[in-house]
């Protein structure tokens, strides 16, 4: 992680979870991170089986030029990634393991900007992880981001951020040209493979 926003929210998530693999959603206190709220989102697993925005900070909505509340998380991504991104969000919930993405955002007029995106699981009182706390933040300032909305995000690389290990899983590079072309890169399969490898390390 290199962006201050993702570093700070990940540190906060780690503090409130304590020894648990994921904190309760009731433990998240907006007043504890007021300076980050504009860049934060909460995703939820919905009855229809998809992942949607329950909340999205004003800065995130401004990036895409619309209110994202209620919208599918996968709608922000390039066509070839829609299903895989949603399965990845499901995997973060199912395995209670946060993930960090590096992505490129493309504007409606061809601008490009790099982003860090983090997703961290939250538990309900019944113990199930059915929500995600996350953040989207540009890796560098770009004046056009305040004027021209993003059209979509394309995944460049990803890694898990397991708290039980000294080192995070290695980055998985993603060729941007394949993503923009709309071809599926089966990121959900990569996620499951990384989780399997991490679990095998834990069992040793």
C-alpha atoms as a PDB file:
ATOM      1  CA  UNK A   1       0.000   0.000   0.000  1.00  0.00           C
ATOM      2  CA  UNK A   2       1.249   3.426  -0.951  1.00  0.00           C
ATOM      3  CA  UNK A   3      -1.806   5.700  -0.665  1.00  0.00           C
ATOM      4  CA  UNK A   4      -2.400   7.284   2.731  1.00  0.00           C
ATOM      5  CA  UNK A   5      -6.161   6.739   2.597  1.00  0.00           C
ATOM      6  CA  UNK A   6      -5.893   2.969   2.126  1.00  0.00           C
ATOM      7  CA  UNK A   7      -3.115   2.710   4.718  1.00  0.00           C
ATOM      8  CA  UNK A   8      -5.168   4.550   7.341  1.00  0.00           C
ATOM      9  CA  UNK A   9      -8.424   2.660   6.807  1.00  0.00           C
ATOM     10  CA  UNK A  10      -6.609  -0.682   6.831  1.00  0.00           C
ATOM     11  CA  UNK A  11      -4.887   0.285  10.101  1.00  0.00           C
ATOM     12  CA  UNK A  12      -8.274   1.281  11.555  1.00  0.00           C
ATOM     13  CA  UNK A  13      -9.875  -2.010  10.449  1.00  0.00           C
ATOM     14  CA  UNK A  14      -7.006  -3.930  12.064  1.00  0.00           C
ATOM     15  CA  UNK A  15      -7.398  -2.025  15.331  1.00  0.00           C
ATOM     16  CA  UNK A  16     -11.121  -2.603  15.715  1.00  0.00           C
ATOM     17  CA  UNK A  17     -10.978  -6.291  14.789  1.00  0.00           C
ATOM     18  CA  UNK A  18      -8.442  -7.062  17.498  1.00  0.00           C
ATOM     19  CA  UNK A  19      -7.764 -10.813  17.546  1.00  0.00           C
ATOM     20  CA  UNK A  20     -10.763 -11.606  15.318  1.00  0.00           C
ATOM     21  CA  UNK A  21     -10.395 -12.230  11.604  1.00  0.00           C
ATOM     22  CA  UNK A  22     -12.972  -9.506  10.902  1.00  0.00           C
ATOM     23  CA  UNK A  23     -14.719  -6.889  13.061  1.00  0.00           C
ATOM     24  CA  UNK A  24     -18.459  -6.578  13.563  1.00  0.00           C
ATOM     25  CA  UNK A  25     -20.056  -3.968  11.341  1.00  0.00           C
ATOM     26  CA  UNK A  26     -21.379  -2.303  14.524  1.00  0.00           C
ATOM     27  CA  UNK A  27     -17.764  -1.637  15.559  1.00  0.00           C
ATOM     28  CA  UNK A  28     -17.201   0.739  12.649  1.00  0.00           C
ATOM     29  CA  UNK A  29     -17.505   4.298  13.982  1.00  0.00           C
ATOM     30  CA  UNK A  30     -17.516   7.009  11.281  1.00  0.00           C
ATOM     31  CA  UNK A  31     -16.465   9.570  13.881  1.00  0.00           C
ATOM     32  CA  UNK A  32     -13.166   7.693  14.286  1.00  0.00           C
ATOM     33  CA  UNK A  33     -12.109   8.399  10.682  1.00  0.00           C
ATOM     34  CA  UNK A  34     -13.962  11.601   9.663  1.00  0.00           C
ATOM     35  CA  UNK A  35     -11.223  12.701   7.257  1.00  0.00           C
ATOM     36  CA  UNK A  36     -11.566   9.448   5.281  1.00  0.00           C
ATOM     37  CA  UNK A  37     -15.343   9.261   4.931  1.00  0.00           C
ATOM     38  CA  UNK A  38     -15.493  10.845   1.459  1.00  0.00           C
ATOM     39  CA  UNK A  39     -13.316   8.042   0.075  1.00  0.00           C
ATOM     40  CA  UNK A  40     -14.974   5.112   1.866  1.00  0.00           C
ATOM     41  CA  UNK A  41     -17.673   2.688   0.761  1.00  0.00           C
ATOM     42  CA  UNK A  42     -19.640  -0.193   2.238  1.00  0.00           C
ATOM     43  CA  UNK A  43     -20.690  -3.094   0.051  1.00  0.00           C
ATOM     44  CA  UNK A  44     -23.316  -5.670   0.949  1.00  0.00           C
ATOM     45  CA  UNK A  45     -24.268  -9.115  -0.262  1.00  0.00           C
ATOM     46  CA  UNK A  46     -27.851  -8.767  -1.457  1.00  0.00           C
ATOM     47  CA  UNK A  47     -30.727 -11.242  -1.609  1.00  0.00           C
ATOM     48  CA  UNK A  48     -30.387 -11.561  -5.369  1.00  0.00           C
ATOM     49  CA  UNK A  49     -26.830 -12.863  -4.883  1.00  0.00           C
ATOM     50  CA  UNK A  50     -24.969  -9.820  -6.162  1.00  0.00           C
ATOM     51  CA  UNK A  51     -22.752  -7.260  -4.380  1.00  0.00           C
ATOM     52  CA  UNK A  52     -24.011  -3.669  -4.200  1.00  0.00           C
ATOM     53  CA  UNK A  53     -23.106  -0.340  -2.683  1.00  0.00           C
ATOM     54  CA  UNK A  54     -24.867   0.251   0.610  1.00  0.00           C
ATOM     55  CA  UNK A  55     -22.956   3.492   1.070  1.00  0.00           C
ATOM     56  CA  UNK A  56     -20.449   5.422  -1.053  1.00  0.00           C
ATOM     57  CA  UNK A  57     -18.528   8.528  -0.021  1.00  0.00           C
ATOM     58  CA  UNK A  58     -19.069  11.774  -1.895  1.00  0.00           C
ATOM     59  CA  UNK A  59     -15.581  11.736  -3.385  1.00  0.00           C
ATOM     60  CA  UNK A  60     -16.188   8.287  -4.894  1.00  0.00           C
ATOM     61  CA  UNK A  61     -19.549   9.348  -6.318  1.00  0.00           C
ATOM     62  CA  UNK A  62     -17.932  12.478  -7.766  1.00  0.00           C
ATOM     63  CA  UNK A  63     -15.262  10.338  -9.453  1.00  0.00           C
ATOM     64  CA  UNK A  64     -17.944   8.483 -11.404  1.00  0.00           C
ATOM     65  CA  UNK A  65     -20.312  11.414 -11.799  1.00  0.00           C
ATOM     66  CA  UNK A  66     -23.288   9.745 -10.109  1.00  0.00           C
ATOM     67  CA  UNK A  67     -24.698   8.497  -6.817  1.00  0.00           C
ATOM     68  CA  UNK A  68     -23.512   4.898  -6.421  1.00  0.00           C
ATOM     69  CA  UNK A  69     -25.786   3.854  -3.567  1.00  0.00           C
ATOM     70  CA  UNK A  70     -27.689   0.726  -4.576  1.00  0.00           C
ATOM     71  CA  UNK A  71     -25.593   0.190  -7.700  1.00  0.00           C
ATOM     72  CA  UNK A  72     -23.721  -3.072  -8.330  1.00  0.00           C
ATOM     73  CA  UNK A  73     -20.031  -2.902  -7.458  1.00  0.00           C
ATOM     74  CA  UNK A  74     -19.163  -4.708 -10.677  1.00  0.00           C
ATOM     75  CA  UNK A  75     -20.704  -1.864 -12.718  1.00  0.00           C
ATOM     76  CA  UNK A  76     -17.571   0.224 -12.098  1.00  0.00           C
ATOM     77  CA  UNK A  77     -15.291  -2.252 -13.866  1.00  0.00           C
ATOM     78  CA  UNK A  78     -14.374  -3.095 -17.460  1.00  0.00           C
ATOM     79  CA  UNK A  79     -16.751  -5.494 -19.206  1.00  0.00           C
ATOM     80  CA  UNK A  80     -14.382  -8.460 -19.114  1.00  0.00           C
ATOM     81  CA  UNK A  81     -14.107  -8.259 -15.335  1.00  0.00           C
ATOM     82  CA  UNK A  82     -17.717  -7.891 -14.185  1.00  0.00           C
ATOM     83  CA  UNK A  83     -18.289 -11.458 -12.978  1.00  0.00           C
ATOM     84  CA  UNK A  84     -14.761 -11.993 -11.665  1.00  0.00           C
ATOM     85  CA  UNK A  85     -14.731  -8.784  -9.612  1.00  0.00           C
ATOM     86  CA  UNK A  86     -18.027  -9.739  -7.996  1.00  0.00           C
ATOM     87  CA  UNK A  87     -16.774 -13.252  -7.220  1.00  0.00           C
ATOM     88  CA  UNK A  88     -13.667 -11.691  -5.679  1.00  0.00           C
ATOM     89  CA  UNK A  89     -15.771  -9.516  -3.378  1.00  0.00           C
ATOM     90  CA  UNK A  90     -17.665 -12.668  -2.389  1.00  0.00           C
ATOM     91  CA  UNK A  91     -14.322 -14.363  -1.698  1.00  0.00           C
ATOM     92  CA  UNK A  92     -13.200 -11.569   0.622  1.00  0.00           C
ATOM     93  CA  UNK A  93     -16.394 -12.147   2.621  1.00  0.00           C
ATOM     94  CA  UNK A  94     -16.282 -15.948   2.527  1.00  0.00           C
ATOM     95  CA  UNK A  95     -12.619 -16.170   3.592  1.00  0.00           C
ATOM     96  CA  UNK A  96     -12.669 -13.076   5.870  1.00  0.00           C
ATOM     97  CA  UNK A  97      -9.464 -11.861   4.254  1.00  0.00           C
ATOM     98  CA  UNK A  98      -8.957  -8.291   2.939  1.00  0.00           C
ATOM     99  CA  UNK A  99      -7.684  -7.604  -0.554  1.00  0.00           C
ATOM    100  CA  UNK A 100      -5.867  -4.698  -2.190  1.00  0.00           C
ATOM    101  CA  UNK A 101      -6.279  -3.788  -5.858  1.00  0.00           C
ATOM    102  CA  UNK A 102      -4.261  -1.496  -8.078  1.00  0.00           C
ATOM    103  CA  UNK A 103      -6.418  -0.283 -10.937  1.00  0.00           C
ATOM    104  CA  UNK A 104      -6.409   2.213 -13.773  1.00  0.00           C
ATOM    105  CA  UNK A 105      -9.408   4.476 -14.172  1.00  0.00           C
ATOM    106  CA  UNK A 106     -10.410   5.624 -17.661  1.00  0.00           C
ATOM    107  CA  UNK A 107     -12.438   8.777 -18.168  1.00  0.00           C
ATOM    108  CA  UNK A 108     -15.170   9.349 -20.723  1.00  0.00           C
ATOM    109  CA  UNK A 109     -12.713  11.404 -22.819  1.00  0.00           C
ATOM    110  CA  UNK A 110      -9.671   9.135 -22.553  1.00  0.00           C
ATOM    111  CA  UNK A 111      -7.849  10.358 -19.450  1.00  0.00           C
ATOM    112  CA  UNK A 112      -6.143   7.747 -17.251  1.00  0.00           C
ATOM    113  CA  UNK A 113      -5.369   7.693 -13.521  1.00  0.00           C
ATOM    114  CA  UNK A 114      -4.037   5.059 -11.115  1.00  0.00           C
ATOM    115  CA  UNK A 115      -6.022   4.019  -8.035  1.00  0.00           C
ATOM    116  CA  UNK A 116      -5.634   1.882  -4.912  1.00  0.00           C
ATOM    117  CA  UNK A 117      -8.755   0.059  -3.800  1.00  0.00           C
ATOM    118  CA  UNK A 118      -9.045  -1.918  -0.588  1.00  0.00           C
ATOM    119  CA  UNK A 119     -11.851  -4.233   0.568  1.00  0.00           C
ATOM    120  CA  UNK A 120     -12.086  -5.558   4.137  1.00  0.00           C
ATOM    121  CA  UNK A 121     -14.722  -7.945   5.524  1.00  0.00           C
ATOM    122  CA  UNK A 122     -17.261  -7.015   8.204  1.00  0.00           C
ATOM    123  CA  UNK A 123     -19.318  -9.470  10.281  1.00  0.00           C
ATOM    124  CA  UNK A 124     -22.987  -9.364  11.236  1.00  0.00           C
ATOM    125  CA  UNK A 125     -24.106 -10.243  14.785  1.00  0.00           C
ATOM    126  CA  UNK A 126     -24.803 -13.824  13.605  1.00  0.00           C
ATOM    127  CA  UNK A 127     -21.123 -14.169  12.669  1.00  0.00           C
ATOM    128  CA  UNK A 128     -21.526 -14.119   8.882  1.00  0.00           C
ATOM    129  CA  UNK A 129     -19.378 -11.796   6.779  1.00  0.00           C
ATOM    130  CA  UNK A 130     -21.958 -10.132   4.552  1.00  0.00           C
ATOM    131  CA  UNK A 131     -20.524  -6.635   4.150  1.00  0.00           C
ATOM    132  CA  UNK A 132     -17.273  -5.049   3.062  1.00  0.00           C
ATOM    133  CA  UNK A 133     -15.659  -1.828   4.196  1.00  0.00           C
ATOM    134  CA  UNK A 134     -13.496  -0.292   1.512  1.00  0.00           C
ATOM    135  CA  UNK A 135     -11.824   2.744   0.030  1.00  0.00           C
ATOM    136  CA  UNK A 136     -11.034   4.043  -3.437  1.00  0.00           C
ATOM    137  CA  UNK A 137      -8.244   6.609  -3.674  1.00  0.00           C
ATOM    138  CA  UNK A 138      -6.155   7.997  -6.552  1.00  0.00           C
ATOM    139  CA  UNK A 139      -2.469   7.117  -6.366  1.00  0.00           C
ATOM    140  CA  UNK A 140      -1.536  10.642  -7.467  1.00  0.00           C
ATOM    141  CA  UNK A 141      -3.318  13.975  -7.756  1.00  0.00           C
ATOM    142  CA  UNK A 142      -4.923  14.735 -11.119  1.00  0.00           C
ATOM    143  CA  UNK A 143      -6.848  17.970 -11.620  1.00  0.00           C
ATOM    144  CA  UNK A 144      -9.112  16.456 -14.287  1.00  0.00           C
ATOM    145  CA  UNK A 145     -10.577  14.002 -11.748  1.00  0.00           C
ATOM    146  CA  UNK A 146     -12.609  16.862 -10.292  1.00  0.00           C
ATOM    147  CA  UNK A 147     -14.075  17.726 -13.708  1.00  0.00           C
ATOM    148  CA  UNK A 148     -14.320  14.639 -15.926  1.00  0.00           C
ATOM    149  CA  UNK A 149     -16.045  11.490 -14.594  1.00  0.00           C
ATOM    150  CA  UNK A 150     -14.525   8.034 -14.826  1.00  0.00           C
ATOM    151  CA  UNK A 151     -16.131   5.626 -17.251  1.00  0.00           C
ATOM    152  CA  UNK A 152     -14.694   2.415 -15.778  1.00  0.00           C
ATOM    153  CA  UNK A 153     -11.867   0.831 -13.785  1.00  0.00           C
ATOM    154  CA  UNK A 154      -9.500  -1.832 -15.129  1.00  0.00           C
ATOM    155  CA  UNK A 155      -7.601  -4.104 -12.759  1.00  0.00           C
ATOM    156  CA  UNK A 156      -3.787  -3.996 -13.009  1.00  0.00           C
ATOM    157  CA  UNK A 157      -2.794  -6.263 -10.105  1.00  0.00           C
ATOM    158  CA  UNK A 158      -4.064  -7.561  -6.784  1.00  0.00           C
ATOM    159  CA  UNK A 159      -2.950  -9.145  -3.548  1.00  0.00           C
ATOM    160  CA  UNK A 160      -4.441 -10.462  -0.338  1.00  0.00           C
ATOM    161  CA  UNK A 161      -3.651  -8.754   2.957  1.00  0.00           C
ATOM    162  CA  UNK A 162      -3.790 -11.624   5.469  1.00  0.00           C
ATOM    163  CA  UNK A 163      -3.269 -10.499   9.043  1.00  0.00           C
ATOM    164  CA  UNK A 164      -2.100 -13.957  10.166  1.00  0.00           C
ATOM    165  CA  UNK A 165       1.007 -13.925   7.989  1.00  0.00           C
ATOM    166  CA  UNK A 166       4.167 -11.859   7.952  1.00  0.00           C
ATOM    167  CA  UNK A 167       3.995 -11.285   4.207  1.00  0.00           C
ATOM    168  CA  UNK A 168       1.062 -10.606   1.945  1.00  0.00           C
ATOM    169  CA  UNK A 169       0.406 -12.778  -1.064  1.00  0.00           C
ATOM    170  CA  UNK A 170       2.445 -11.819  -4.137  1.00  0.00           C
ATOM    171  CA  UNK A 171       1.013  -9.352  -6.598  1.00  0.00           C
ATOM    172  CA  UNK A 172      -0.818 -10.712  -9.612  1.00  0.00           C
ATOM    173  CA  UNK A 173      -0.099  -8.541 -12.714  1.00  0.00           C
ATOM    174  CA  UNK A 174      -2.995  -7.862 -15.077  1.00  0.00           C
ATOM    175  CA  UNK A 175      -2.387  -6.726 -18.691  1.00  0.00           C
ATOM    176  CA  UNK A 176      -4.504  -3.628 -19.213  1.00  0.00           C
ATOM    177  CA  UNK A 177      -4.943  -4.215 -22.952  1.00  0.00           C
ATOM    178  CA  UNK A 178      -6.788  -7.502 -22.318  1.00  0.00           C
ATOM    179  CA  UNK A 179      -9.059  -5.847 -19.786  1.00  0.00           C
ATOM    180  CA  UNK A 180      -9.959  -2.922 -21.985  1.00  0.00           C
ATOM    181  CA  UNK A 181     -10.714  -5.371 -24.780  1.00  0.00           C
ATOM    182  CA  UNK A 182     -13.356  -6.898 -22.499  1.00  0.00           C
ATOM    183  CA  UNK A 183     -11.795 -10.345 -22.140  1.00  0.00           C
ATOM    184  CA  UNK A 184     -12.317 -12.263 -18.895  1.00  0.00           C
ATOM    185  CA  UNK A 185      -9.128 -12.791 -16.865  1.00  0.00           C
ATOM    186  CA  UNK A 186     -10.711 -15.190 -14.350  1.00  0.00           C
ATOM    187  CA  UNK A 187      -9.594 -13.142 -11.357  1.00  0.00           C
ATOM    188  CA  UNK A 188     -11.912 -15.125  -9.099  1.00  0.00           C
ATOM    189  CA  UNK A 189      -9.885 -18.235  -9.896  1.00  0.00           C
ATOM    190  CA  UNK A 190      -6.663 -16.418  -9.013  1.00  0.00           C
ATOM    191  CA  UNK A 191      -8.210 -15.317  -5.724  1.00  0.00           C
ATOM    192  CA  UNK A 192      -9.203 -18.854  -4.823  1.00  0.00           C
ATOM    193  CA  UNK A 193      -5.731 -20.155  -5.714  1.00  0.00           C
ATOM    194  CA  UNK A 194      -4.047 -17.537  -3.494  1.00  0.00           C
ATOM    195  CA  UNK A 195      -6.392 -18.340  -0.604  1.00  0.00           C
ATOM    196  CA  UNK A 196      -5.637 -22.053  -1.009  1.00  0.00           C
ATOM    197  CA  UNK A 197      -1.895 -21.363  -0.925  1.00  0.00           C
ATOM    198  CA  UNK A 198      -2.215 -19.195   2.182  1.00  0.00           C
ATOM    199  CA  UNK A 199      -4.313 -21.756   3.995  1.00  0.00           C
ATOM    200  CA  UNK A 200      -1.767 -24.467   3.225  1.00  0.00           C
ATOM    201  CA  UNK A 201       0.986 -22.256   4.719  1.00  0.00           C
ATOM    202  CA  UNK A 202      -1.122 -21.691   7.844  1.00  0.00           C
ATOM    203  CA  UNK A 203      -1.610 -25.439   8.296  1.00  0.00           C
ATOM    204  CA  UNK A 204       2.139 -26.165   8.411  1.00  0.00           C
END
